[in-house]
Amino acid sequence: MAEDKTREIPEGHPLRQLFQKLTESSLESTGLRDVELTVYISDLLIRFVHTDNLYKLRNAAGERLVYIVDMLLAASEGDFQRKREVRKHIGDYSLFILGLFPESLLRHRRPVSPEYYVEQGKESYLVVAELDRYKPTAALFRKLSDKFEYCINALSLEKEYLQDPVYQYIVRQMGW
């Protein structure tokens, strides 16, 4: 597992503020007003700003795991903590890819169905919720599983906002 580089982007950083506002607005546009989901998804975006975090899972030989099927195998081979960590990553990875880069699924050696990613993302968050059943985080991961498609749509809206030329101009003017 590679080091999580989230700490390199401070709490008050403008990028965090940008993702927080965009996520809040995008979730509201899909009909979800949920502070917990807003915080989780905006933190996910911050975490994956560093692509090392997007591809942090490794096999026993130290090779990056980029296919969900390989990630699932890694989850089945590890202890409780490894299973939780890998399943959480599968949920996060699926959500991120489907929301922001769904076209990338067609560029694999063998094209992958978006429905497969939805299924694995939802199931992985549900597994994490079950593994966390006695922790406060269980409800969050259950919600991520239940509202997975809404979260994908919210991320798609964020992508549209970020690609809008007017929005890009404003961001450049603000120095973000």
N, C-alpha and C. Protein backbone atom coordinates (compact mmCIF):
# COMPACT_ATOMS: atom_id res chain seq x y z
N MET A 1 0.84 -1.17 0.00
CA MET A 1 0.00 0.00 0.00
C MET A 1 0.89 1.24 0.00
N ALA A 2 0.63 2.17 -0.88
CA ALA A 2 1.39 3.42 -0.92
C ALA A 2 0.85 4.37 0.13
N GLU A 3 1.66 5.34 0.49
CA GLU A 3 1.25 6.33 1.49
C GLU A 3 0.11 7.18 0.94
N ASP A 4 -0.88 7.44 1.77
CA ASP A 4 -1.99 8.31 1.40
C ASP A 4 -1.50 9.75 1.50
N LYS A 5 -1.59 10.49 0.41
CA LYS A 5 -1.01 11.83 0.37
C LYS A 5 -2.03 12.93 0.66
N THR A 6 -3.18 12.59 1.21
CA THR A 6 -4.22 13.57 1.50
C THR A 6 -3.70 14.69 2.38
N ARG A 7 -2.86 14.37 3.33
CA ARG A 7 -2.37 15.36 4.29
C ARG A 7 -1.59 16.49 3.62
N GLU A 8 -1.14 16.29 2.41
CA GLU A 8 -0.37 17.32 1.73
C GLU A 8 -1.22 18.50 1.28
N ILE A 9 -2.53 18.36 1.29
CA ILE A 9 -3.41 19.45 0.90
C ILE A 9 -4.12 19.92 2.17
N PRO A 10 -3.71 21.08 2.70
CA PRO A 10 -4.23 21.56 3.99
C PRO A 10 -5.73 21.83 3.99
N GLU A 11 -6.32 21.81 5.17
CA GLU A 11 -7.76 22.02 5.35
C GLU A 11 -8.27 23.28 4.66
N GLY A 12 -7.62 24.40 4.84
CA GLY A 12 -8.12 25.66 4.30
C GLY A 12 -7.75 25.93 2.85
N HIS A 13 -7.11 24.99 2.20
CA HIS A 13 -6.63 25.17 0.83
C HIS A 13 -7.81 25.46 -0.11
N PRO A 14 -7.64 26.38 -1.06
CA PRO A 14 -8.71 26.72 -2.00
C PRO A 14 -9.25 25.52 -2.80
N LEU A 15 -8.40 24.54 -3.09
CA LEU A 15 -8.87 23.37 -3.82
C LEU A 15 -9.89 22.58 -3.00
N ARG A 16 -9.63 22.47 -1.71
CA ARG A 16 -10.61 21.81 -0.81
C ARG A 16 -11.92 22.58 -0.81
N GLN A 17 -11.82 23.89 -0.71
CA GLN A 17 -13.02 24.73 -0.70
C GLN A 17 -13.79 24.58 -2.01
N LEU A 18 -13.07 24.57 -3.11
CA LEU A 18 -13.70 24.40 -4.42
C LEU A 18 -14.45 23.07 -4.51
N PHE A 19 -13.77 21.98 -4.16
CA PHE A 19 -14.41 20.66 -4.23
C PHE A 19 -15.59 20.56 -3.26
N GLN A 20 -15.45 21.17 -2.10
CA GLN A 20 -16.54 21.14 -1.11
C GLN A 20 -17.78 21.82 -1.68
N LYS A 21 -17.61 23.02 -2.24
CA LYS A 21 -18.75 23.76 -2.80
C LYS A 21 -19.34 23.05 -4.01
N LEU A 22 -18.47 22.59 -4.90
CA LEU A 22 -18.95 21.88 -6.09
C LEU A 22 -19.71 20.62 -5.73
N THR A 23 -19.19 19.87 -4.78
CA THR A 23 -19.84 18.63 -4.37
C THR A 23 -21.18 18.91 -3.72
N GLU A 24 -21.22 19.90 -2.86
CA GLU A 24 -22.47 20.28 -2.21
C GLU A 24 -23.53 20.66 -3.25
N SER A 25 -23.13 21.51 -4.18
CA SER A 25 -24.05 21.97 -5.23
C SER A 25 -24.49 20.81 -6.13
N SER A 26 -23.57 19.96 -6.51
CA SER A 26 -23.88 18.83 -7.39
C SER A 26 -24.80 17.83 -6.72
N LEU A 27 -24.54 17.52 -5.46
CA LEU A 27 -25.42 16.60 -4.74
C LEU A 27 -26.82 17.18 -4.61
N GLU A 28 -26.90 18.48 -4.31
CA GLU A 28 -28.21 19.13 -4.21
C GLU A 28 -28.95 19.05 -5.54
N SER A 29 -28.23 19.18 -6.64
CA SER A 29 -28.85 19.10 -7.97
C SER A 29 -29.43 17.72 -8.24
N THR A 30 -28.89 16.70 -7.60
CA THR A 30 -29.42 15.34 -7.77
C THR A 30 -30.50 15.02 -6.74
N GLY A 31 -30.79 15.98 -5.88
CA GLY A 31 -31.83 15.77 -4.87
C GLY A 31 -31.31 15.34 -3.52
N LEU A 32 -30.00 15.31 -3.35
CA LEU A 32 -29.41 14.91 -2.07
C LEU A 32 -28.82 16.12 -1.35
N ARG A 33 -29.31 16.36 -0.16
CA ARG A 33 -28.70 17.36 0.72
C ARG A 33 -28.17 16.58 1.90
N ASP A 34 -26.91 16.25 1.84
CA ASP A 34 -26.33 15.38 2.86
C ASP A 34 -24.90 15.83 3.15
N VAL A 35 -24.70 16.36 4.33
CA VAL A 35 -23.39 16.88 4.72
C VAL A 35 -22.35 15.77 4.74
N GLU A 36 -22.73 14.61 5.26
CA GLU A 36 -21.79 13.49 5.36
C GLU A 36 -21.30 13.05 3.98
N LEU A 37 -22.22 12.93 3.02
CA LEU A 37 -21.82 12.56 1.66
C LEU A 37 -20.99 13.67 1.01
N THR A 38 -21.36 14.91 1.25
CA THR A 38 -20.60 16.03 0.70
C THR A 38 -19.16 15.99 1.17
N VAL A 39 -18.96 15.81 2.46
CA VAL A 39 -17.61 15.77 3.02
C VAL A 39 -16.84 14.57 2.47
N TYR A 40 -17.49 13.40 2.44
CA TYR A 40 -16.81 12.19 1.98
C TYR A 40 -16.38 12.33 0.52
N ILE A 41 -17.29 12.77 -0.34
CA ILE A 41 -16.97 12.85 -1.77
C ILE A 41 -15.95 13.95 -2.06
N SER A 42 -16.05 15.08 -1.40
CA SER A 42 -15.05 16.13 -1.64
C SER A 42 -13.68 15.68 -1.12
N ASP A 43 -13.64 14.94 -0.01
CA ASP A 43 -12.36 14.38 0.46
C ASP A 43 -11.82 13.34 -0.51
N LEU A 44 -12.72 12.56 -1.10
CA LEU A 44 -12.32 11.58 -2.11
C LEU A 44 -11.63 12.29 -3.29
N LEU A 45 -12.21 13.38 -3.74
CA LEU A 45 -11.61 14.14 -4.85
C LEU A 45 -10.23 14.67 -4.46
N ILE A 46 -10.11 15.18 -3.25
CA ILE A 46 -8.82 15.67 -2.78
C ILE A 46 -7.81 14.53 -2.73
N ARG A 47 -8.22 13.40 -2.21
CA ARG A 47 -7.32 12.25 -2.09
C ARG A 47 -6.83 11.80 -3.46
N PHE A 48 -7.73 11.80 -4.46
CA PHE A 48 -7.36 11.31 -5.78
C PHE A 48 -6.73 12.38 -6.67
N VAL A 49 -6.55 13.59 -6.15
CA VAL A 49 -5.75 14.59 -6.88
C VAL A 49 -4.36 14.00 -7.13
N HIS A 50 -3.89 13.24 -6.16
CA HIS A 50 -2.62 12.52 -6.30
C HIS A 50 -2.93 11.16 -6.90
N THR A 51 -2.54 10.95 -8.15
CA THR A 51 -2.89 9.69 -8.82
C THR A 51 -2.27 8.48 -8.13
N ASP A 52 -1.22 8.68 -7.34
CA ASP A 52 -0.67 7.57 -6.56
C ASP A 52 -1.74 6.99 -5.64
N ASN A 53 -2.63 7.83 -5.15
CA ASN A 53 -3.70 7.35 -4.27
C ASN A 53 -4.78 6.62 -5.05
N LEU A 54 -4.98 7.00 -6.29
CA LEU A 54 -5.96 6.31 -7.13
C LEU A 54 -5.50 4.88 -7.43
N TYR A 55 -4.20 4.73 -7.59
CA TYR A 55 -3.62 3.43 -7.93
C TYR A 55 -2.72 2.91 -6.81
N LYS A 56 -3.17 3.06 -5.57
CA LYS A 56 -2.32 2.69 -4.44
C LYS A 56 -2.29 1.20 -4.14
N LEU A 57 -3.27 0.44 -4.60
CA LEU A 57 -3.29 -0.99 -4.30
C LEU A 57 -2.23 -1.71 -5.12
N ARG A 58 -1.54 -2.62 -4.45
CA ARG A 58 -0.47 -3.40 -5.09
C ARG A 58 -0.68 -4.88 -4.79
N ASN A 59 -0.18 -5.71 -5.70
CA ASN A 59 -0.21 -7.16 -5.44
C ASN A 59 1.06 -7.55 -4.68
N ALA A 60 1.21 -8.85 -4.42
CA ALA A 60 2.35 -9.33 -3.65
C ALA A 60 3.68 -9.00 -4.33
N ALA A 61 3.67 -8.89 -5.66
CA ALA A 61 4.89 -8.56 -6.41
C ALA A 61 5.15 -7.06 -6.46
N GLY A 62 4.25 -6.26 -5.87
CA GLY A 62 4.42 -4.81 -5.84
C GLY A 62 3.87 -4.10 -7.06
N GLU A 63 3.15 -4.82 -7.92
CA GLU A 63 2.59 -4.21 -9.13
C GLU A 63 1.26 -3.54 -8.82
N ARG A 64 1.03 -2.40 -9.47
CA ARG A 64 -0.24 -1.68 -9.29
C ARG A 64 -1.42 -2.53 -9.72
N LEU A 65 -2.50 -2.44 -8.95
CA LEU A 65 -3.74 -3.10 -9.33
C LEU A 65 -4.65 -2.06 -9.96
N VAL A 66 -4.96 -2.24 -11.24
CA VAL A 66 -5.81 -1.27 -11.94
C VAL A 66 -7.16 -1.84 -12.33
N TYR A 67 -7.31 -3.15 -12.25
CA TYR A 67 -8.57 -3.79 -12.61
C TYR A 67 -9.29 -4.23 -11.34
N ILE A 68 -10.58 -4.00 -11.32
CA ILE A 68 -11.37 -4.34 -10.14
C ILE A 68 -11.28 -5.83 -9.83
N VAL A 69 -11.24 -6.66 -10.83
CA VAL A 69 -11.16 -8.10 -10.59
C VAL A 69 -9.89 -8.44 -9.80
N ASP A 70 -8.78 -7.76 -10.10
CA ASP A 70 -7.54 -7.98 -9.36
C ASP A 70 -7.64 -7.43 -7.94
N MET A 71 -8.34 -6.32 -7.79
CA MET A 71 -8.55 -5.74 -6.46
C MET A 71 -9.39 -6.68 -5.60
N LEU A 72 -10.42 -7.28 -6.20
CA LEU A 72 -11.27 -8.22 -5.47
C LEU A 72 -10.46 -9.43 -5.01
N LEU A 73 -9.56 -9.88 -5.84
CA LEU A 73 -8.69 -11.00 -5.46
C LEU A 73 -7.82 -10.60 -4.27
N ALA A 74 -7.28 -9.38 -4.31
CA ALA A 74 -6.45 -8.89 -3.20
C ALA A 74 -7.26 -8.81 -1.91
N ALA A 75 -8.52 -8.43 -2.02
CA ALA A 75 -9.38 -8.33 -0.83
C ALA A 75 -9.62 -9.70 -0.23
N SER A 76 -9.75 -10.71 -1.08
CA SER A 76 -10.04 -12.05 -0.58
C SER A 76 -8.82 -12.73 0.04
N GLU A 77 -7.64 -12.24 -0.30
CA GLU A 77 -6.41 -12.86 0.20
C GLU A 77 -5.89 -12.25 1.49
N GLY A 78 -6.46 -11.14 1.91
CA GLY A 78 -5.92 -10.44 3.06
C GLY A 78 -6.68 -10.70 4.35
N ASP A 79 -6.20 -10.10 5.41
CA ASP A 79 -6.87 -10.17 6.70
C ASP A 79 -8.04 -9.19 6.72
N PHE A 80 -8.70 -9.10 7.85
CA PHE A 80 -9.87 -8.23 8.02
C PHE A 80 -9.57 -6.79 7.60
N GLN A 81 -8.47 -6.23 8.09
CA GLN A 81 -8.13 -4.83 7.80
C GLN A 81 -7.85 -4.64 6.31
N ARG A 82 -7.14 -5.57 5.72
CA ARG A 82 -6.83 -5.48 4.28
C ARG A 82 -8.12 -5.56 3.46
N LYS A 83 -9.01 -6.48 3.85
CA LYS A 83 -10.28 -6.62 3.13
C LYS A 83 -11.05 -5.31 3.18
N ARG A 84 -11.12 -4.69 4.35
CA ARG A 84 -11.84 -3.43 4.50
C ARG A 84 -11.20 -2.34 3.64
N GLU A 85 -9.88 -2.24 3.73
CA GLU A 85 -9.15 -1.21 2.98
C GLU A 85 -9.34 -1.37 1.47
N VAL A 86 -9.25 -2.59 0.99
CA VAL A 86 -9.39 -2.84 -0.45
C VAL A 86 -10.83 -2.60 -0.90
N ARG A 87 -11.79 -3.07 -0.13
CA ARG A 87 -13.20 -2.87 -0.49
C ARG A 87 -13.56 -1.39 -0.49
N LYS A 88 -13.07 -0.65 0.47
CA LYS A 88 -13.31 0.80 0.50
C LYS A 88 -12.71 1.44 -0.76
N HIS A 89 -11.51 1.01 -1.10
CA HIS A 89 -10.85 1.56 -2.29
C HIS A 89 -11.64 1.21 -3.56
N ILE A 90 -12.16 0.00 -3.64
CA ILE A 90 -12.96 -0.39 -4.81
C ILE A 90 -14.18 0.51 -4.93
N GLY A 91 -14.86 0.76 -3.82
CA GLY A 91 -16.01 1.67 -3.84
C GLY A 91 -15.61 3.06 -4.29
N ASP A 92 -14.53 3.58 -3.71
CA ASP A 92 -14.05 4.92 -4.05
C ASP A 92 -13.61 5.00 -5.51
N TYR A 93 -12.84 4.02 -5.93
CA TYR A 93 -12.31 3.98 -7.29
C TYR A 93 -13.45 3.91 -8.31
N SER A 94 -14.43 3.04 -8.05
CA SER A 94 -15.58 2.90 -8.95
C SER A 94 -16.36 4.19 -9.05
N LEU A 95 -16.62 4.81 -7.91
CA LEU A 95 -17.36 6.07 -7.88
C LEU A 95 -16.62 7.15 -8.67
N PHE A 96 -15.33 7.27 -8.44
CA PHE A 96 -14.50 8.28 -9.10
C PHE A 96 -14.48 8.07 -10.61
N ILE A 97 -14.20 6.85 -11.04
CA ILE A 97 -14.11 6.55 -12.47
C ILE A 97 -15.45 6.75 -13.16
N LEU A 98 -16.52 6.21 -12.58
CA LEU A 98 -17.84 6.33 -13.20
C LEU A 98 -18.33 7.77 -13.25
N GLY A 99 -18.01 8.55 -12.23
CA GLY A 99 -18.47 9.93 -12.18
C GLY A 99 -17.68 10.88 -13.06
N LEU A 100 -16.38 10.67 -13.14
CA LEU A 100 -15.53 11.63 -13.85
C LEU A 100 -14.93 11.12 -15.16
N PHE A 101 -14.67 9.83 -15.24
CA PHE A 101 -13.98 9.29 -16.42
C PHE A 101 -14.61 7.99 -16.93
N PRO A 102 -15.93 7.95 -17.13
CA PRO A 102 -16.56 6.69 -17.57
C PRO A 102 -16.03 6.21 -18.92
N GLU A 103 -15.58 7.14 -19.76
CA GLU A 103 -15.05 6.76 -21.07
C GLU A 103 -13.79 5.91 -20.94
N SER A 104 -13.10 6.01 -19.82
CA SER A 104 -11.86 5.23 -19.64
C SER A 104 -12.14 3.73 -19.57
N LEU A 105 -13.36 3.35 -19.24
CA LEU A 105 -13.70 1.92 -19.16
C LEU A 105 -13.63 1.25 -20.52
N LEU A 106 -13.79 2.04 -21.56
CA LEU A 106 -13.74 1.49 -22.92
C LEU A 106 -12.31 1.34 -23.43
N ARG A 107 -11.36 1.91 -22.70
CA ARG A 107 -9.96 1.88 -23.15
C ARG A 107 -9.16 0.73 -22.54
N HIS A 108 -9.79 -0.08 -21.73
CA HIS A 108 -9.09 -1.23 -21.15
C HIS A 108 -8.79 -2.25 -22.24
N ARG A 109 -7.89 -3.17 -21.92
CA ARG A 109 -7.61 -4.26 -22.88
C ARG A 109 -8.91 -4.89 -23.34
N ARG A 110 -9.75 -5.16 -22.37
CA ARG A 110 -11.10 -5.64 -22.65
C ARG A 110 -12.06 -4.62 -22.06
N PRO A 111 -12.89 -4.00 -22.89
CA PRO A 111 -13.82 -2.99 -22.35
C PRO A 111 -14.63 -3.56 -21.18
N VAL A 112 -14.86 -2.71 -20.19
CA VAL A 112 -15.56 -3.11 -18.98
C VAL A 112 -16.90 -2.39 -18.94
N SER A 113 -17.91 -3.11 -18.54
CA SER A 113 -19.26 -2.55 -18.44
C SER A 113 -19.36 -1.59 -17.26
N PRO A 114 -19.92 -0.40 -17.47
CA PRO A 114 -20.16 0.51 -16.35
C PRO A 114 -21.04 -0.13 -15.27
N GLU A 115 -21.96 -0.99 -15.70
CA GLU A 115 -22.83 -1.67 -14.74
C GLU A 115 -22.03 -2.54 -13.78
N TYR A 116 -20.96 -3.14 -14.27
CA TYR A 116 -20.08 -3.95 -13.42
C TYR A 116 -19.44 -3.07 -12.35
N TYR A 117 -18.99 -1.90 -12.74
CA TYR A 117 -18.40 -0.97 -11.78
C TYR A 117 -19.43 -0.50 -10.75
N VAL A 118 -20.65 -0.24 -11.21
CA VAL A 118 -21.71 0.15 -10.28
C VAL A 118 -21.95 -0.98 -9.28
N GLU A 119 -22.09 -2.18 -9.80
CA GLU A 119 -22.35 -3.34 -8.94
C GLU A 119 -21.23 -3.53 -7.91
N GLN A 120 -19.99 -3.48 -8.36
CA GLN A 120 -18.86 -3.69 -7.46
C GLN A 120 -18.69 -2.54 -6.47
N GLY A 121 -18.94 -1.31 -6.93
CA GLY A 121 -18.83 -0.16 -6.03
C GLY A 121 -19.86 -0.23 -4.92
N LYS A 122 -21.11 -0.50 -5.30
CA LYS A 122 -22.18 -0.60 -4.30
C LYS A 122 -21.92 -1.75 -3.33
N GLU A 123 -21.55 -2.89 -3.87
CA GLU A 123 -21.29 -4.06 -3.02
C GLU A 123 -20.11 -3.81 -2.09
N SER A 124 -19.07 -3.16 -2.60
CA SER A 124 -17.89 -2.91 -1.77
C SER A 124 -18.21 -1.97 -0.61
N TYR A 125 -18.97 -0.91 -0.88
CA TYR A 125 -19.36 -0.03 0.22
C TYR A 125 -20.24 -0.77 1.23
N LEU A 126 -21.07 -1.67 0.75
CA LEU A 126 -21.92 -2.46 1.65
C LEU A 126 -21.08 -3.40 2.51
N VAL A 127 -20.05 -4.00 1.92
CA VAL A 127 -19.13 -4.86 2.67
C VAL A 127 -18.44 -4.04 3.76
N VAL A 128 -17.98 -2.84 3.42
CA VAL A 128 -17.32 -1.98 4.41
C VAL A 128 -18.30 -1.64 5.53
N ALA A 129 -19.54 -1.33 5.17
CA ALA A 129 -20.56 -1.03 6.19
C ALA A 129 -20.74 -2.22 7.13
N GLU A 130 -20.76 -3.40 6.57
CA GLU A 130 -20.91 -4.61 7.40
C GLU A 130 -19.68 -4.83 8.28
N LEU A 131 -18.50 -4.63 7.72
CA LEU A 131 -17.28 -4.79 8.51
C LEU A 131 -17.20 -3.74 9.63
N ASP A 132 -17.79 -2.58 9.38
CA ASP A 132 -17.81 -1.48 10.36
C ASP A 132 -19.08 -1.47 11.20
N ARG A 133 -19.83 -2.55 11.22
CA ARG A 133 -21.18 -2.55 11.79
C ARG A 133 -21.29 -1.98 13.20
N TYR A 134 -20.22 -2.02 13.98
CA TYR A 134 -20.27 -1.47 15.34
C TYR A 134 -19.59 -0.11 15.44
N LYS A 135 -19.31 0.48 14.30
CA LYS A 135 -18.66 1.80 14.27
C LYS A 135 -19.62 2.82 13.67
N PRO A 136 -19.41 4.10 13.99
CA PRO A 136 -20.27 5.14 13.42
C PRO A 136 -20.18 5.23 11.89
N THR A 137 -19.08 4.77 11.31
CA THR A 137 -18.90 4.86 9.85
C THR A 137 -19.80 3.90 9.07
N ALA A 138 -20.38 2.92 9.75
CA ALA A 138 -21.22 1.93 9.06
C ALA A 138 -22.36 2.61 8.30
N ALA A 139 -23.00 3.58 8.93
CA ALA A 139 -24.14 4.27 8.30
C ALA A 139 -23.70 5.03 7.04
N LEU A 140 -22.53 5.65 7.09
CA LEU A 140 -22.02 6.39 5.93
C LEU A 140 -21.81 5.44 4.75
N PHE A 141 -21.16 4.31 4.98
CA PHE A 141 -20.88 3.40 3.87
C PHE A 141 -22.15 2.73 3.36
N ARG A 142 -23.12 2.51 4.22
CA ARG A 142 -24.41 1.98 3.77
C ARG A 142 -25.08 3.02 2.86
N LYS A 143 -25.00 4.28 3.27
CA LYS A 143 -25.58 5.37 2.48
C LYS A 143 -24.87 5.49 1.13
N LEU A 144 -23.55 5.38 1.12
CA LEU A 144 -22.80 5.43 -0.14
C LEU A 144 -23.25 4.31 -1.08
N SER A 145 -23.51 3.15 -0.53
CA SER A 145 -24.00 2.03 -1.34
C SER A 145 -25.41 2.31 -1.86
N ASP A 146 -26.29 2.75 -0.97
CA ASP A 146 -27.68 3.02 -1.35
C ASP A 146 -27.82 4.15 -2.36
N LYS A 147 -27.00 5.16 -2.24
CA LYS A 147 -27.09 6.37 -3.08
C LYS A 147 -25.98 6.43 -4.12
N PHE A 148 -25.41 5.30 -4.45
CA PHE A 148 -24.25 5.24 -5.34
C PHE A 148 -24.50 5.95 -6.67
N GLU A 149 -25.63 5.66 -7.30
CA GLU A 149 -25.92 6.27 -8.60
C GLU A 149 -26.09 7.78 -8.48
N TYR A 150 -26.69 8.25 -7.40
CA TYR A 150 -26.81 9.70 -7.18
C TYR A 150 -25.43 10.34 -7.07
N CYS A 151 -24.54 9.67 -6.37
CA CYS A 151 -23.18 10.19 -6.20
C CYS A 151 -22.44 10.23 -7.53
N ILE A 152 -22.65 9.21 -8.37
CA ILE A 152 -22.06 9.20 -9.71
C ILE A 152 -22.57 10.41 -10.50
N ASN A 153 -23.88 10.62 -10.47
CA ASN A 153 -24.46 11.76 -11.19
C ASN A 153 -23.92 13.08 -10.67
N ALA A 154 -23.74 13.19 -9.36
CA ALA A 154 -23.19 14.42 -8.79
C ALA A 154 -21.77 14.66 -9.30
N LEU A 155 -20.96 13.62 -9.34
CA LEU A 155 -19.60 13.78 -9.86
C LEU A 155 -19.60 14.13 -11.34
N SER A 156 -20.53 13.59 -12.09
CA SER A 156 -20.66 13.95 -13.52
C SER A 156 -20.99 15.43 -13.67
N LEU A 157 -21.86 15.93 -12.80
CA LEU A 157 -22.17 17.36 -12.81
C LEU A 157 -20.95 18.20 -12.47
N GLU A 158 -20.17 17.74 -11.50
CA GLU A 158 -18.95 18.46 -11.15
C GLU A 158 -18.00 18.53 -12.34
N LYS A 159 -17.90 17.43 -13.06
CA LYS A 159 -17.05 17.41 -14.25
C LYS A 159 -17.52 18.45 -15.26
N GLU A 160 -18.85 18.52 -15.46
CA GLU A 160 -19.40 19.52 -16.39
C GLU A 160 -19.05 20.94 -15.93
N TYR A 161 -19.21 21.20 -14.64
CA TYR A 161 -18.88 22.53 -14.11
C TYR A 161 -17.41 22.84 -14.38
N LEU A 162 -16.54 21.89 -14.07
CA LEU A 162 -15.11 22.12 -14.19
C LEU A 162 -14.67 22.29 -15.64
N GLN A 163 -15.42 21.73 -16.58
CA GLN A 163 -15.07 21.85 -17.99
C GLN A 163 -15.68 23.08 -18.65
N ASP A 164 -16.58 23.74 -17.97
CA ASP A 164 -17.22 24.94 -18.51
C ASP A 164 -16.18 26.05 -18.65
N PRO A 165 -16.03 26.64 -19.85
CA PRO A 165 -15.01 27.68 -20.06
C PRO A 165 -15.17 28.89 -19.13
N VAL A 166 -16.39 29.28 -18.84
CA VAL A 166 -16.61 30.42 -17.94
C VAL A 166 -16.11 30.06 -16.55
N TYR A 167 -16.43 28.88 -16.10
CA TYR A 167 -15.99 28.43 -14.79
C TYR A 167 -14.46 28.34 -14.74
N GLN A 168 -13.86 27.83 -15.80
CA GLN A 168 -12.39 27.74 -15.86
C GLN A 168 -11.77 29.13 -15.78
N TYR A 169 -12.38 30.10 -16.45
CA TYR A 169 -11.87 31.46 -16.41
C TYR A 169 -11.93 32.01 -14.99
N ILE A 170 -13.05 31.81 -14.32
CA ILE A 170 -13.21 32.30 -12.94
C ILE A 170 -12.18 31.66 -12.03
N VAL A 171 -11.98 30.37 -12.17
CA VAL A 171 -11.00 29.66 -11.33
C VAL A 171 -9.60 30.22 -11.57
N ARG A 172 -9.25 30.48 -12.84
CA ARG A 172 -7.93 31.06 -13.14
C ARG A 172 -7.79 32.44 -12.52
N GLN A 173 -8.85 33.24 -12.58
CA GLN A 173 -8.81 34.59 -12.02
C GLN A 173 -8.66 34.57 -10.50
N MET A 174 -9.22 33.54 -9.88
CA MET A 174 -9.14 33.42 -8.42
C MET A 174 -7.79 32.84 -7.99
N GLY A 175 -7.00 32.38 -8.94
CA GLY A 175 -5.70 31.82 -8.61
C GLY A 175 -5.75 30.41 -8.07
N TRP A 176 -6.85 29.69 -8.36
CA TRP A 176 -6.98 28.31 -7.88
C TRP A 176 -6.38 27.41 -8.90
